[in-house]
Amino acid sequence: RSGEKCACVLLEQLELTQSGLSYHM
């Protein structure tokens, strides 16, 4: 909601693995 984010930023802020984030995205 606050604007575009890089996957690396999302990973830093969420308790997800890279594969978990990829699945949700």
mmCIF file of all heavy atoms, coordinates in Angstrom:
data_MODEL
# 
_entry.id   MODEL 
# 
loop_
_atom_site.group_PDB 
_atom_site.id 
_atom_site.type_symbol 
_atom_site.label_atom_id 
_atom_site.label_alt_id 
_atom_site.label_comp_id 
_atom_site.label_asym_id 
_atom_site.label_entity_id 
_atom_site.label_seq_id 
_atom_site.pdbx_PDB_ins_code 
_atom_site.Cartn_x 
_atom_site.Cartn_y 
_atom_site.Cartn_z 
_atom_site.occupancy 
_atom_site.B_iso_or_equiv 
_atom_site.pdbx_formal_charge 
_atom_site.auth_seq_id 
_atom_site.auth_comp_id 
_atom_site.auth_asym_id 
_atom_site.auth_atom_id 
_atom_site.pdbx_PDB_model_num 
ATOM 1   N N   . ARG A 1 1  ? 0.826  -1.217  0.000  1.00 0.00 ? 1  ARG A N   1 
ATOM 2   C CA  . ARG A 1 1  ? 0.000  0.000   0.000  1.00 0.00 ? 1  ARG A CA  1 
ATOM 3   C C   . ARG A 1 1  ? 0.858  1.264   0.000  1.00 0.00 ? 1  ARG A C   1 
ATOM 4   O O   . ARG A 1 1  ? 0.443  2.301   -0.506 1.00 0.00 ? 1  ARG A O   1 
ATOM 5   C CB  . ARG A 1 1  ? -0.924 0.010   1.210  1.00 0.00 ? 1  ARG A CB  1 
ATOM 6   C CG  . ARG A 1 1  ? -2.043 -1.024  1.091  1.00 0.00 ? 1  ARG A CG  1 
ATOM 7   C CD  . ARG A 1 1  ? -2.974 -0.993  2.271  1.00 0.00 ? 1  ARG A CD  1 
ATOM 8   N NE  . ARG A 1 1  ? -3.672 0.282   2.274  1.00 0.00 ? 1  ARG A NE  1 
ATOM 9   C CZ  . ARG A 1 1  ? -4.157 0.853   3.376  1.00 0.00 ? 1  ARG A CZ  1 
ATOM 10  N NH1 . ARG A 1 1  ? -4.011 0.281   4.546  1.00 0.00 ? 1  ARG A NH1 1 
ATOM 11  N NH2 . ARG A 1 1  ? -4.788 2.005   3.296  1.00 0.00 ? 1  ARG A NH2 1 
ATOM 12  N N   . SER A 1 2  ? 2.069  1.181   0.549  1.00 0.00 ? 2  SER A N   1 
ATOM 13  C CA  . SER A 1 2  ? 2.937  2.361   0.595  1.00 0.00 ? 2  SER A CA  1 
ATOM 14  C C   . SER A 1 2  ? 3.766  2.529   -0.673 1.00 0.00 ? 2  SER A C   1 
ATOM 15  O O   . SER A 1 2  ? 4.558  3.458   -0.773 1.00 0.00 ? 2  SER A O   1 
ATOM 16  C CB  . SER A 1 2  ? 3.854  2.303   1.819  1.00 0.00 ? 2  SER A CB  1 
ATOM 17  O OG  . SER A 1 2  ? 4.714  1.185   1.735  1.00 0.00 ? 2  SER A OG  1 
ATOM 18  N N   . GLY A 1 3  ? 3.592  1.630   -1.646 1.00 0.00 ? 3  GLY A N   1 
ATOM 19  C CA  . GLY A 1 3  ? 4.302  1.756   -2.913 1.00 0.00 ? 3  GLY A CA  1 
ATOM 20  C C   . GLY A 1 3  ? 5.011  0.481   -3.312 1.00 0.00 ? 3  GLY A C   1 
ATOM 21  O O   . GLY A 1 3  ? 5.008  -0.514  -2.589 1.00 0.00 ? 3  GLY A O   1 
ATOM 22  N N   . GLU A 1 4  ? 5.609  0.547   -4.496 1.00 0.00 ? 4  GLU A N   1 
ATOM 23  C CA  . GLU A 1 4  ? 6.308  -0.610  -5.053 1.00 0.00 ? 4  GLU A CA  1 
ATOM 24  C C   . GLU A 1 4  ? 7.418  -1.065  -4.113 1.00 0.00 ? 4  GLU A C   1 
ATOM 25  O O   . GLU A 1 4  ? 8.110  -0.254  -3.510 1.00 0.00 ? 4  GLU A O   1 
ATOM 26  C CB  . GLU A 1 4  ? 6.892  -0.230  -6.415 1.00 0.00 ? 4  GLU A CB  1 
ATOM 27  C CG  . GLU A 1 4  ? 7.579  -1.386  -7.112 1.00 0.00 ? 4  GLU A CG  1 
ATOM 28  C CD  . GLU A 1 4  ? 8.116  -0.996  -8.467 1.00 0.00 ? 4  GLU A CD  1 
ATOM 29  O OE1 . GLU A 1 4  ? 9.227  -0.418  -8.514 1.00 0.00 ? 4  GLU A OE1 1 
ATOM 30  O OE2 . GLU A 1 4  ? 7.433  -1.255  -9.464 1.00 0.00 ? 4  GLU A OE2 1 
ATOM 31  N N   . LYS A 1 5  ? 7.559  -2.390  -4.017 1.00 0.00 ? 5  LYS A N   1 
ATOM 32  C CA  . LYS A 1 5  ? 8.602  -2.961  -3.171 1.00 0.00 ? 5  LYS A CA  1 
ATOM 33  C C   . LYS A 1 5  ? 9.331  -4.060  -3.929 1.00 0.00 ? 5  LYS A C   1 
ATOM 34  O O   . LYS A 1 5  ? 8.734  -4.851  -4.655 1.00 0.00 ? 5  LYS A O   1 
ATOM 35  C CB  . LYS A 1 5  ? 7.999  -3.603  -1.917 1.00 0.00 ? 5  LYS A CB  1 
ATOM 36  C CG  . LYS A 1 5  ? 7.196  -2.702  -1.026 1.00 0.00 ? 5  LYS A CG  1 
ATOM 37  C CD  . LYS A 1 5  ? 8.072  -2.001  -0.031 1.00 0.00 ? 5  LYS A CD  1 
ATOM 38  C CE  . LYS A 1 5  ? 7.302  -1.188  0.972  1.00 0.00 ? 5  LYS A CE  1 
ATOM 39  N NZ  . LYS A 1 5  ? 6.519  -0.090  0.446  1.00 0.00 ? 5  LYS A NZ  1 
ATOM 40  N N   . CYS A 1 6  ? 10.621 -4.110  -3.708 1.00 0.00 ? 6  CYS A N   1 
ATOM 41  C CA  . CYS A 1 6  ? 11.454 -5.187  -4.229 1.00 0.00 ? 6  CYS A CA  1 
ATOM 42  C C   . CYS A 1 6  ? 11.194 -6.431  -3.386 1.00 0.00 ? 6  CYS A C   1 
ATOM 43  O O   . CYS A 1 6  ? 10.893 -6.331  -2.186 1.00 0.00 ? 6  CYS A O   1 
ATOM 44  C CB  . CYS A 1 6  ? 12.921 -4.772  -4.124 1.00 0.00 ? 6  CYS A CB  1 
ATOM 45  S SG  . CYS A 1 6  ? 14.075 -6.073  -4.621 1.00 0.00 ? 6  CYS A SG  1 
ATOM 46  N N   . ALA A 1 7  ? 11.317 -7.594  -3.995 1.00 0.00 ? 7  ALA A N   1 
ATOM 47  C CA  . ALA A 1 7  ? 11.145 -8.845  -3.259 1.00 0.00 ? 7  ALA A CA  1 
ATOM 48  C C   . ALA A 1 7  ? 12.078 -8.903  -2.057 1.00 0.00 ? 7  ALA A C   1 
ATOM 49  O O   . ALA A 1 7  ? 11.705 -9.409  -0.991 1.00 0.00 ? 7  ALA A O   1 
ATOM 50  C CB  . ALA A 1 7  ? 11.377 -10.039 -4.179 1.00 0.00 ? 7  ALA A CB  1 
ATOM 51  N N   . CYS A 1 8  ? 13.270 -8.346  -2.187 1.00 0.00 ? 8  CYS A N   1 
ATOM 52  C CA  . CYS A 1 8  ? 14.223 -8.376  -1.066 1.00 0.00 ? 8  CYS A CA  1 
ATOM 53  C C   . CYS A 1 8  ? 13.691 -7.581  0.128  1.00 0.00 ? 8  CYS A C   1 
ATOM 54  O O   . CYS A 1 8  ? 13.890 -7.970  1.279  1.00 0.00 ? 8  CYS A O   1 
ATOM 55  C CB  . CYS A 1 8  ? 15.589 -7.858  -1.500 1.00 0.00 ? 8  CYS A CB  1 
ATOM 56  S SG  . CYS A 1 8  ? 15.614 -6.145  -2.070 1.00 0.00 ? 8  CYS A SG  1 
ATOM 57  N N   . VAL A 1 9  ? 12.997 -6.488  -0.119 1.00 0.00 ? 9  VAL A N   1 
ATOM 58  C CA  . VAL A 1 9  ? 12.412 -5.680  0.956  1.00 0.00 ? 9  VAL A CA  1 
ATOM 59  C C   . VAL A 1 9  ? 11.273 -6.447  1.615  1.00 0.00 ? 9  VAL A C   1 
ATOM 60  O O   . VAL A 1 9  ? 11.144 -6.460  2.850  1.00 0.00 ? 9  VAL A O   1 
ATOM 61  C CB  . VAL A 1 9  ? 11.923 -4.315  0.416  1.00 0.00 ? 9  VAL A CB  1 
ATOM 62  C CG1 . VAL A 1 9  ? 11.128 -3.558  1.463  1.00 0.00 ? 9  VAL A CG1 1 
ATOM 63  C CG2 . VAL A 1 9  ? 13.110 -3.493  -0.069 1.00 0.00 ? 9  VAL A CG2 1 
ATOM 64  N N   . LEU A 1 10 ? 10.448 -7.090  0.809  1.00 0.00 ? 10 LEU A N   1 
ATOM 65  C CA  . LEU A 1 10 ? 9.347  -7.881  1.358  1.00 0.00 ? 10 LEU A CA  1 
ATOM 66  C C   . LEU A 1 10 ? 9.887  -9.016  2.232  1.00 0.00 ? 10 LEU A C   1 
ATOM 67  O O   . LEU A 1 10 ? 9.351  -9.289  3.301  1.00 0.00 ? 10 LEU A O   1 
ATOM 68  C CB  . LEU A 1 10 ? 8.470  -8.436  0.236  1.00 0.00 ? 10 LEU A CB  1 
ATOM 69  C CG  . LEU A 1 10 ? 7.696  -7.397  -0.575 1.00 0.00 ? 10 LEU A CG  1 
ATOM 70  C CD1 . LEU A 1 10 ? 7.008  -8.052  -1.766 1.00 0.00 ? 10 LEU A CD1 1 
ATOM 71  C CD2 . LEU A 1 10 ? 6.692  -6.660  0.292  1.00 0.00 ? 10 LEU A CD2 1 
ATOM 72  N N   . LEU A 1 11 ? 10.967 -9.651  1.777  1.00 0.00 ? 11 LEU A N   1 
ATOM 73  C CA  . LEU A 1 11 ? 11.568 -10.737 2.559  1.00 0.00 ? 11 LEU A CA  1 
ATOM 74  C C   . LEU A 1 11 ? 12.070 -10.236 3.907  1.00 0.00 ? 11 LEU A C   1 
ATOM 75  O O   . LEU A 1 11 ? 11.937 -10.934 4.920  1.00 0.00 ? 11 LEU A O   1 
ATOM 76  C CB  . LEU A 1 11 ? 12.723 -11.381 1.785  1.00 0.00 ? 11 LEU A CB  1 
ATOM 77  C CG  . LEU A 1 11 ? 12.331 -12.369 0.712  1.00 0.00 ? 11 LEU A CG  1 
ATOM 78  C CD1 . LEU A 1 11 ? 13.538 -12.759 -0.131 1.00 0.00 ? 11 LEU A CD1 1 
ATOM 79  C CD2 . LEU A 1 11 ? 11.677 -13.605 1.326  1.00 0.00 ? 11 LEU A CD2 1 
ATOM 80  N N   . GLU A 1 12 ? 12.639 -9.053  3.941  1.00 0.00 ? 12 GLU A N   1 
ATOM 81  C CA  . GLU A 1 12 ? 13.139 -8.476  5.188  1.00 0.00 ? 12 GLU A CA  1 
ATOM 82  C C   . GLU A 1 12 ? 12.012 -8.213  6.183  1.00 0.00 ? 12 GLU A C   1 
ATOM 83  O O   . GLU A 1 12 ? 12.218 -8.323  7.392  1.00 0.00 ? 12 GLU A O   1 
ATOM 84  C CB  . GLU A 1 12 ? 13.874 -7.157  4.926  1.00 0.00 ? 12 GLU A CB  1 
ATOM 85  C CG  . GLU A 1 12 ? 15.195 -7.306  4.234  1.00 0.00 ? 12 GLU A CG  1 
ATOM 86  C CD  . GLU A 1 12 ? 15.806 -5.959  3.856  1.00 0.00 ? 12 GLU A CD  1 
ATOM 87  O OE1 . GLU A 1 12 ? 15.248 -4.904  4.236  1.00 0.00 ? 12 GLU A OE1 1 
ATOM 88  O OE2 . GLU A 1 12 ? 16.850 -5.967  3.178  1.00 0.00 ? 12 GLU A OE2 1 
ATOM 89  N N   . GLN A 1 13 ? 10.846 -7.847  5.682  1.00 0.00 ? 13 GLN A N   1 
ATOM 90  C CA  . GLN A 1 13 ? 9.754  -7.427  6.547  1.00 0.00 ? 13 GLN A CA  1 
ATOM 91  C C   . GLN A 1 13 ? 8.784  -8.545  6.914  1.00 0.00 ? 13 GLN A C   1 
ATOM 92  O O   . GLN A 1 13 ? 7.938  -8.360  7.792  1.00 0.00 ? 13 GLN A O   1 
ATOM 93  C CB  . GLN A 1 13 ? 9.004  -6.261  5.901  1.00 0.00 ? 13 GLN A CB  1 
ATOM 94  C CG  . GLN A 1 13 ? 9.907  -5.055  5.733  1.00 0.00 ? 13 GLN A CG  1 
ATOM 95  C CD  . GLN A 1 13 ? 9.172  -3.845  5.190  1.00 0.00 ? 13 GLN A CD  1 
ATOM 96  O OE1 . GLN A 1 13 ? 7.966  -3.749  5.264  1.00 0.00 ? 13 GLN A OE1 1 
ATOM 97  N NE2 . GLN A 1 13 ? 9.931  -2.912  4.642  1.00 0.00 ? 13 GLN A NE2 1 
ATOM 98  N N   . LEU A 1 14 ? 8.875  -9.669  6.246  1.00 0.00 ? 14 LEU A N   1 
ATOM 99  C CA  . LEU A 1 14 ? 7.959  -10.781 6.499  1.00 0.00 ? 14 LEU A CA  1 
ATOM 100 C C   . LEU A 1 14 ? 8.732  -11.994 6.992  1.00 0.00 ? 14 LEU A C   1 
ATOM 101 O O   . LEU A 1 14 ? 9.914  -12.144 6.722  1.00 0.00 ? 14 LEU A O   1 
ATOM 102 C CB  . LEU A 1 14 ? 7.213  -11.150 5.209  1.00 0.00 ? 14 LEU A CB  1 
ATOM 103 C CG  . LEU A 1 14 ? 6.364  -10.042 4.597  1.00 0.00 ? 14 LEU A CG  1 
ATOM 104 C CD1 . LEU A 1 14 ? 5.966  -10.421 3.179  1.00 0.00 ? 14 LEU A CD1 1 
ATOM 105 C CD2 . LEU A 1 14 ? 5.143  -9.781  5.455  1.00 0.00 ? 14 LEU A CD2 1 
ATOM 106 N N   . GLU A 1 15 ? 8.063  -12.844 7.707  1.00 0.00 ? 15 GLU A N   1 
ATOM 107 C CA  . GLU A 1 15 ? 8.686  -14.079 8.175  1.00 0.00 ? 15 GLU A CA  1 
ATOM 108 C C   . GLU A 1 15 ? 8.419  -15.192 7.168  1.00 0.00 ? 15 GLU A C   1 
ATOM 109 O O   . GLU A 1 15 ? 7.709  -16.147 7.447  1.00 0.00 ? 15 GLU A O   1 
ATOM 110 C CB  . GLU A 1 15 ? 8.150  -14.442 9.558  1.00 0.00 ? 15 GLU A CB  1 
ATOM 111 C CG  . GLU A 1 15 ? 8.553  -13.449 10.631 1.00 0.00 ? 15 GLU A CG  1 
ATOM 112 C CD  . GLU A 1 15 ? 8.038  -13.831 11.994 1.00 0.00 ? 15 GLU A CD  1 
ATOM 113 O OE1 . GLU A 1 15 ? 7.728  -15.019 12.229 1.00 0.00 ? 15 GLU A OE1 1 
ATOM 114 O OE2 . GLU A 1 15 ? 7.952  -12.934 12.840 1.00 0.00 ? 15 GLU A OE2 1 
ATOM 115 N N   . LEU A 1 16 ? 8.989  -15.022 5.985  1.00 0.00 ? 16 LEU A N   1 
ATOM 116 C CA  . LEU A 1 16 ? 8.819  -15.988 4.907  1.00 0.00 ? 16 LEU A CA  1 
ATOM 117 C C   . LEU A 1 16 ? 10.177 -16.338 4.319  1.00 0.00 ? 16 LEU A C   1 
ATOM 118 O O   . LEU A 1 16 ? 11.087 -15.524 4.315  1.00 0.00 ? 16 LEU A O   1 
ATOM 119 C CB  . LEU A 1 16 ? 7.956  -15.397 3.781  1.00 0.00 ? 16 LEU A CB  1 
ATOM 120 C CG  . LEU A 1 16 ? 6.485  -15.124 4.070  1.00 0.00 ? 16 LEU A CG  1 
ATOM 121 C CD1 . LEU A 1 16 ? 5.855  -14.362 2.903  1.00 0.00 ? 16 LEU A CD1 1 
ATOM 122 C CD2 . LEU A 1 16 ? 5.738  -16.423 4.309  1.00 0.00 ? 16 LEU A CD2 1 
ATOM 123 N N   . THR A 1 17 ? 10.257 -17.542 3.786  1.00 0.00 ? 17 THR A N   1 
ATOM 124 C CA  . THR A 1 17 ? 11.445 -17.904 3.015  1.00 0.00 ? 17 THR A CA  1 
ATOM 125 C C   . THR A 1 17 ? 11.280 -17.328 1.616  1.00 0.00 ? 17 THR A C   1 
ATOM 126 O O   . THR A 1 17 ? 10.185 -16.886 1.231  1.00 0.00 ? 17 THR A O   1 
ATOM 127 C CB  . THR A 1 17 ? 11.568 -19.437 2.905  1.00 0.00 ? 17 THR A CB  1 
ATOM 128 O OG1 . THR A 1 17 ? 10.422 -19.934 2.205  1.00 0.00 ? 17 THR A OG1 1 
ATOM 129 C CG2 . THR A 1 17 ? 11.660 -20.093 4.281  1.00 0.00 ? 17 THR A CG2 1 
ATOM 130 N N   . GLN A 1 18 ? 12.333 -17.344 0.832  1.00 0.00 ? 18 GLN A N   1 
ATOM 131 C CA  . GLN A 1 18 ? 12.246 -16.835 -0.533 1.00 0.00 ? 18 GLN A CA  1 
ATOM 132 C C   . GLN A 1 18 ? 11.249 -17.666 -1.344 1.00 0.00 ? 18 GLN A C   1 
ATOM 133 O O   . GLN A 1 18 ? 10.447 -17.116 -2.096 1.00 0.00 ? 18 GLN A O   1 
ATOM 134 C CB  . GLN A 1 18 ? 13.611 -16.825 -1.205 1.00 0.00 ? 18 GLN A CB  1 
ATOM 135 C CG  . GLN A 1 18 ? 13.570 -16.136 -2.555 1.00 0.00 ? 18 GLN A CG  1 
ATOM 136 C CD  . GLN A 1 18 ? 14.944 -15.767 -3.068 1.00 0.00 ? 18 GLN A CD  1 
ATOM 137 O OE1 . GLN A 1 18 ? 15.946 -15.970 -2.392 1.00 0.00 ? 18 GLN A OE1 1 
ATOM 138 N NE2 . GLN A 1 18 ? 15.005 -15.211 -4.258 1.00 0.00 ? 18 GLN A NE2 1 
ATOM 139 N N   . SER A 1 19 ? 11.254 -18.975 -1.155 1.00 0.00 ? 19 SER A N   1 
ATOM 140 C CA  . SER A 1 19 ? 10.300 -19.814 -1.897 1.00 0.00 ? 19 SER A CA  1 
ATOM 141 C C   . SER A 1 19 ? 8.873  -19.553 -1.412 1.00 0.00 ? 19 SER A C   1 
ATOM 142 O O   . SER A 1 19 ? 7.929  -19.578 -2.217 1.00 0.00 ? 19 SER A O   1 
ATOM 143 C CB  . SER A 1 19 ? 10.653 -21.296 -1.774 1.00 0.00 ? 19 SER A CB  1 
ATOM 144 O OG  . SER A 1 19 ? 10.560 -21.725 -0.431 1.00 0.00 ? 19 SER A OG  1 
ATOM 145 N N   . GLY A 1 20 ? 8.697  -19.286 -0.128 1.00 0.00 ? 20 GLY A N   1 
ATOM 146 C CA  . GLY A 1 20 ? 7.373  -18.953 0.406  1.00 0.00 ? 20 GLY A CA  1 
ATOM 147 C C   . GLY A 1 20 ? 6.854  -17.650 -0.171 1.00 0.00 ? 20 GLY A C   1 
ATOM 148 O O   . GLY A 1 20 ? 5.693  -17.547 -0.576 1.00 0.00 ? 20 GLY A O   1 
ATOM 149 N N   . LEU A 1 21 ? 7.729  -16.641 -0.227 1.00 0.00 ? 21 LEU A N   1 
ATOM 150 C CA  . LEU A 1 21 ? 7.336  -15.362 -0.809 1.00 0.00 ? 21 LEU A CA  1 
ATOM 151 C C   . LEU A 1 21 ? 6.991  -15.534 -2.284 1.00 0.00 ? 21 LEU A C   1 
ATOM 152 O O   . LEU A 1 21 ? 5.977  -15.010 -2.760 1.00 0.00 ? 21 LEU A O   1 
ATOM 153 C CB  . LEU A 1 21 ? 8.447  -14.315 -0.658 1.00 0.00 ? 21 LEU A CB  1 
ATOM 154 C CG  . LEU A 1 21 ? 8.142  -12.959 -1.289 1.00 0.00 ? 21 LEU A CG  1 
ATOM 155 C CD1 . LEU A 1 21 ? 6.959  -12.284 -0.594 1.00 0.00 ? 21 LEU A CD1 1 
ATOM 156 C CD2 . LEU A 1 21 ? 9.376  -12.065 -1.271 1.00 0.00 ? 21 LEU A CD2 1 
ATOM 157 N N   . SER A 1 22 ? 7.797  -16.292 -2.988 1.00 0.00 ? 22 SER A N   1 
ATOM 158 C CA  . SER A 1 22 ? 7.551  -16.532 -4.411 1.00 0.00 ? 22 SER A CA  1 
ATOM 159 C C   . SER A 1 22 ? 6.185  -17.177 -4.624 1.00 0.00 ? 22 SER A C   1 
ATOM 160 O O   . SER A 1 22 ? 5.434  -16.790 -5.531 1.00 0.00 ? 22 SER A O   1 
ATOM 161 C CB  . SER A 1 22 ? 8.658  -17.421 -4.979 1.00 0.00 ? 22 SER A CB  1 
ATOM 162 O OG  . SER A 1 22 ? 8.410  -17.700 -6.329 1.00 0.00 ? 22 SER A OG  1 
ATOM 163 N N   . TYR A 1 23 ? 5.839  -18.136 -3.789 1.00 0.00 ? 23 TYR A N   1 
ATOM 164 C CA  . TYR A 1 23 ? 4.538  -18.812 -3.878 1.00 0.00 ? 23 TYR A CA  1 
ATOM 165 C C   . TYR A 1 23 ? 3.400  -17.804 -3.701 1.00 0.00 ? 23 TYR A C   1 
ATOM 166 O O   . TYR A 1 23 ? 2.455  -17.770 -4.489 1.00 0.00 ? 23 TYR A O   1 
ATOM 167 C CB  . TYR A 1 23 ? 4.462  -19.913 -2.810 1.00 0.00 ? 23 TYR A CB  1 
ATOM 168 C CG  . TYR A 1 23 ? 3.079  -20.490 -2.640 1.00 0.00 ? 23 TYR A CG  1 
ATOM 169 C CD1 . TYR A 1 23 ? 2.566  -21.403 -3.549 1.00 0.00 ? 23 TYR A CD1 1 
ATOM 170 C CD2 . TYR A 1 23 ? 2.291  -20.117 -1.553 1.00 0.00 ? 23 TYR A CD2 1 
ATOM 171 C CE1 . TYR A 1 23 ? 1.293  -21.927 -3.392 1.00 0.00 ? 23 TYR A CE1 1 
ATOM 172 C CE2 . TYR A 1 23 ? 1.015  -20.637 -1.384 1.00 0.00 ? 23 TYR A CE2 1 
ATOM 173 C CZ  . TYR A 1 23 ? 0.522  -21.539 -2.305 1.00 0.00 ? 23 TYR A CZ  1 
ATOM 174 O OH  . TYR A 1 23 ? -0.743 -22.056 -2.151 1.00 0.00 ? 23 TYR A OH  1 
ATOM 175 N N   . HIS A 1 24 ? 3.473  -16.988 -2.662 1.00 0.00 ? 24 HIS A N   1 
ATOM 176 C CA  . HIS A 1 24 ? 2.420  -16.018 -2.395 1.00 0.00 ? 24 HIS A CA  1 
ATOM 177 C C   . HIS A 1 24 ? 2.337  -14.943 -3.486 1.00 0.00 ? 24 HIS A C   1 
ATOM 178 O O   . HIS A 1 24 ? 1.238  -14.533 -3.881 1.00 0.00 ? 24 HIS A O   1 
ATOM 179 C CB  . HIS A 1 24 ? 2.619  -15.374 -1.020 1.00 0.00 ? 24 HIS A CB  1 
ATOM 180 C CG  . HIS A 1 24 ? 2.377  -16.321 0.104  1.00 0.00 ? 24 HIS A CG  1 
ATOM 181 N ND1 . HIS A 1 24 ? 1.160  -16.924 0.334  1.00 0.00 ? 24 HIS A ND1 1 
ATOM 182 C CD2 . HIS A 1 24 ? 3.205  -16.792 1.070  1.00 0.00 ? 24 HIS A CD2 1 
ATOM 183 C CE1 . HIS A 1 24 ? 1.240  -17.713 1.387  1.00 0.00 ? 24 HIS A CE1 1 
ATOM 184 N NE2 . HIS A 1 24 ? 2.480  -17.656 1.857  1.00 0.00 ? 24 HIS A NE2 1 
ATOM 185 N N   . MET A 1 25 ? 3.478  -14.517 -3.998 1.00 0.00 ? 25 MET A N   1 
ATOM 186 C CA  . MET A 1 25 ? 3.471  -13.487 -5.042 1.00 0.00 ? 25 MET A CA  1 
ATOM 187 C C   . MET A 1 25 ? 2.883  -14.043 -6.335 1.00 0.00 ? 25 MET A C   1 
ATOM 188 O O   . MET A 1 25 ? 2.205  -13.324 -7.067 1.00 0.00 ? 25 MET A O   1 
ATOM 189 C CB  . MET A 1 25 ? 4.877  -12.935 -5.270 1.00 0.00 ? 25 MET A CB  1 
ATOM 190 C CG  . MET A 1 25 ? 5.471  -12.231 -4.058 1.00 0.00 ? 25 MET A CG  1 
ATOM 191 S SD  . MET A 1 25 ? 4.360  -11.086 -3.204 1.00 0.00 ? 25 MET A SD  1 
ATOM 192 C CE  . MET A 1 25 ? 4.004  -9.898  -4.439 1.00 0.00 ? 25 MET A CE  1 
# 
